[in-house]
Amino acid sequence: MRVELALFASLRRYLPDGGDGHEQTIDLPDGTTVGQVISMLGLPDEPRVVFVNGRHAHDEQPLHDGDRLAVFPPVAGG
């Protein structure tokens, strides 16, 4: 299956192709979960905000062909 992956801010450097942008389409086996993608990319074990198709997602959520997975580092502000 093909999934659009978007990594933002400090996480962009973990894109598989090491490109300059923050988005890339990746091929994954059917049934891959959000957590498996995060592990595969080697993202740091720290808090993060994850969305699938614009909705908050958890690590156990399975991905489907055509999904958009977006991962953000924690955001602070006031």
C-alpha atoms as a PDB file:
ATOM      1  CA  MET A   1       0.000   0.000   0.000  1.00  0.00           C
ATOM      2  CA  ARG A   2       1.087   3.593  -0.536  1.00  0.00           C
ATOM      3  CA  VAL A   3       0.908   6.142   2.296  1.00  0.00           C
ATOM      4  CA  GLU A   4       1.759   9.829   2.216  1.00  0.00           C
ATOM      5  CA  LEU A   5       4.158  10.549   5.070  1.00  0.00           C
ATOM      6  CA  ALA A   6       4.656  14.069   6.417  1.00  0.00           C
ATOM      7  CA  LEU A   7       7.225  14.813   9.124  1.00  0.00           C
ATOM      8  CA  PHE A   8       7.419  18.317  10.510  1.00  0.00           C
ATOM      9  CA  ALA A   9      10.030  20.541  12.167  1.00  0.00           C
ATOM     10  CA  SER A  10      12.907  18.588  13.744  1.00  0.00           C
ATOM     11  CA  LEU A  11      11.437  15.253  12.572  1.00  0.00           C
ATOM     12  CA  ARG A  12      11.908  16.031   8.849  1.00  0.00           C
ATOM     13  CA  ARG A  13      15.422  14.618   8.898  1.00  0.00           C
ATOM     14  CA  TYR A  14      13.945  11.129   9.458  1.00  0.00           C
ATOM     15  CA  LEU A  15      12.290  10.955   6.034  1.00  0.00           C
ATOM     16  CA  PRO A  16      13.523   7.776   4.311  1.00  0.00           C
ATOM     17  CA  ASP A  17      15.024   9.552   1.288  1.00  0.00           C
ATOM     18  CA  GLY A  18      16.647  12.312   3.328  1.00  0.00           C
ATOM     19  CA  GLY A  19      15.037  14.866   1.012  1.00  0.00           C
ATOM     20  CA  ASP A  20      14.728  18.570   1.583  1.00  0.00           C
ATOM     21  CA  GLY A  21      10.937  18.621   1.907  1.00  0.00           C
ATOM     22  CA  HIS A  22       8.739  17.328   4.680  1.00  0.00           C
ATOM     23  CA  GLU A  23       6.532  14.916   2.697  1.00  0.00           C
ATOM     24  CA  GLN A  24       7.120  11.679   0.850  1.00  0.00           C
ATOM     25  CA  THR A  25       5.009   8.800  -0.446  1.00  0.00           C
ATOM     26  CA  ILE A  26       6.155   5.474   0.957  1.00  0.00           C
ATOM     27  CA  ASP A  27       5.253   1.856   0.192  1.00  0.00           C
ATOM     28  CA  LEU A  28       4.288  -0.290   3.181  1.00  0.00           C
ATOM     29  CA  PRO A  29       2.992  -3.825   3.669  1.00  0.00           C
ATOM     30  CA  ASP A  30      -0.783  -4.090   4.154  1.00  0.00           C
ATOM     31  CA  GLY A  31      -1.750  -3.861   7.822  1.00  0.00           C
ATOM     32  CA  THR A  32       1.194  -1.689   8.876  1.00  0.00           C
ATOM     33  CA  THR A  33       0.367   0.377  11.969  1.00  0.00           C
ATOM     34  CA  VAL A  34       1.283   3.943  12.855  1.00  0.00           C
ATOM     35  CA  GLY A  35       3.646   2.650  15.553  1.00  0.00           C
ATOM     36  CA  GLN A  36       5.414   0.356  13.107  1.00  0.00           C
ATOM     37  CA  VAL A  37       6.093   3.292  10.761  1.00  0.00           C
ATOM     38  CA  ILE A  38       7.400   5.390  13.647  1.00  0.00           C
ATOM     39  CA  SER A  39       9.689   2.536  14.687  1.00  0.00           C
ATOM     40  CA  MET A  40      10.815   1.883  11.094  1.00  0.00           C
ATOM     41  CA  LEU A  41      11.780   5.548  10.698  1.00  0.00           C
ATOM     42  CA  GLY A  42      13.749   5.527  13.964  1.00  0.00           C
ATOM     43  CA  LEU A  43      11.917   8.547  15.365  1.00  0.00           C
ATOM     44  CA  PRO A  44      13.124   9.545  18.825  1.00  0.00           C
ATOM     45  CA  ASP A  45      11.192   8.112  21.754  1.00  0.00           C
ATOM     46  CA  GLU A  46       9.662  11.379  22.904  1.00  0.00           C
ATOM     47  CA  PRO A  47       6.207  12.906  22.921  1.00  0.00           C
ATOM     48  CA  ARG A  48       4.774  13.572  19.461  1.00  0.00           C
ATOM     49  CA  VAL A  49       1.461  14.475  17.866  1.00  0.00           C
ATOM     50  CA  VAL A  50       0.247  12.047  15.194  1.00  0.00           C
ATOM     51  CA  PHE A  51      -2.585  12.447  12.694  1.00  0.00           C
ATOM     52  CA  VAL A  52      -3.956  10.092  10.052  1.00  0.00           C
ATOM     53  CA  ASN A  53      -6.063  11.881   7.446  1.00  0.00           C
ATOM     54  CA  GLY A  54      -6.317  14.921   9.715  1.00  0.00           C
ATOM     55  CA  ARG A  55      -7.547  13.032  12.791  1.00  0.00           C
ATOM     56  CA  HIS A  56      -5.583  12.250  15.943  1.00  0.00           C
ATOM     57  CA  ALA A  57      -4.153   8.718  15.765  1.00  0.00           C
ATOM     58  CA  HIS A  58      -2.567   6.224  18.165  1.00  0.00           C
ATOM     59  CA  ASP A  59       0.336   3.836  17.571  1.00  0.00           C
ATOM     60  CA  GLU A  60      -1.914   0.768  17.186  1.00  0.00           C
ATOM     61  CA  GLN A  61      -3.975   2.299  14.378  1.00  0.00           C
ATOM     62  CA  PRO A  62      -3.609   0.391  11.101  1.00  0.00           C
ATOM     63  CA  LEU A  63      -2.898   2.382   7.962  1.00  0.00           C
ATOM     64  CA  HIS A  64      -4.687   1.932   4.642  1.00  0.00           C
ATOM     65  CA  ASP A  65      -3.768   2.611   1.051  1.00  0.00           C
ATOM     66  CA  GLY A  66      -3.986   6.349   0.338  1.00  0.00           C
ATOM     67  CA  ASP A  67      -3.786   7.472   3.995  1.00  0.00           C
ATOM     68  CA  ARG A  68      -1.820  10.556   4.997  1.00  0.00           C
ATOM     69  CA  LEU A  69       0.284  10.095   8.140  1.00  0.00           C
ATOM     70  CA  ALA A  70       1.538  13.342   9.698  1.00  0.00           C
ATOM     71  CA  VAL A  71       3.871  13.458  12.700  1.00  0.00           C
ATOM     72  CA  PHE A  72       4.722  16.612  14.645  1.00  0.00           C
ATOM     73  CA  PRO A  73       7.113  17.133  17.557  1.00  0.00           C
ATOM     74  CA  PRO A  74       5.570  18.566  20.713  1.00  0.00           C
ATOM     75  CA  VAL A  75       4.629  22.224  20.405  1.00  0.00           C
ATOM     76  CA  ALA A  76       4.946  24.754  23.209  1.00  0.00           C
ATOM     77  CA  GLY A  77       3.635  28.232  23.361  1.00  0.00           C
ATOM     78  CA  GLY A  78       1.565  30.598  25.301  1.00  0.00           C
END
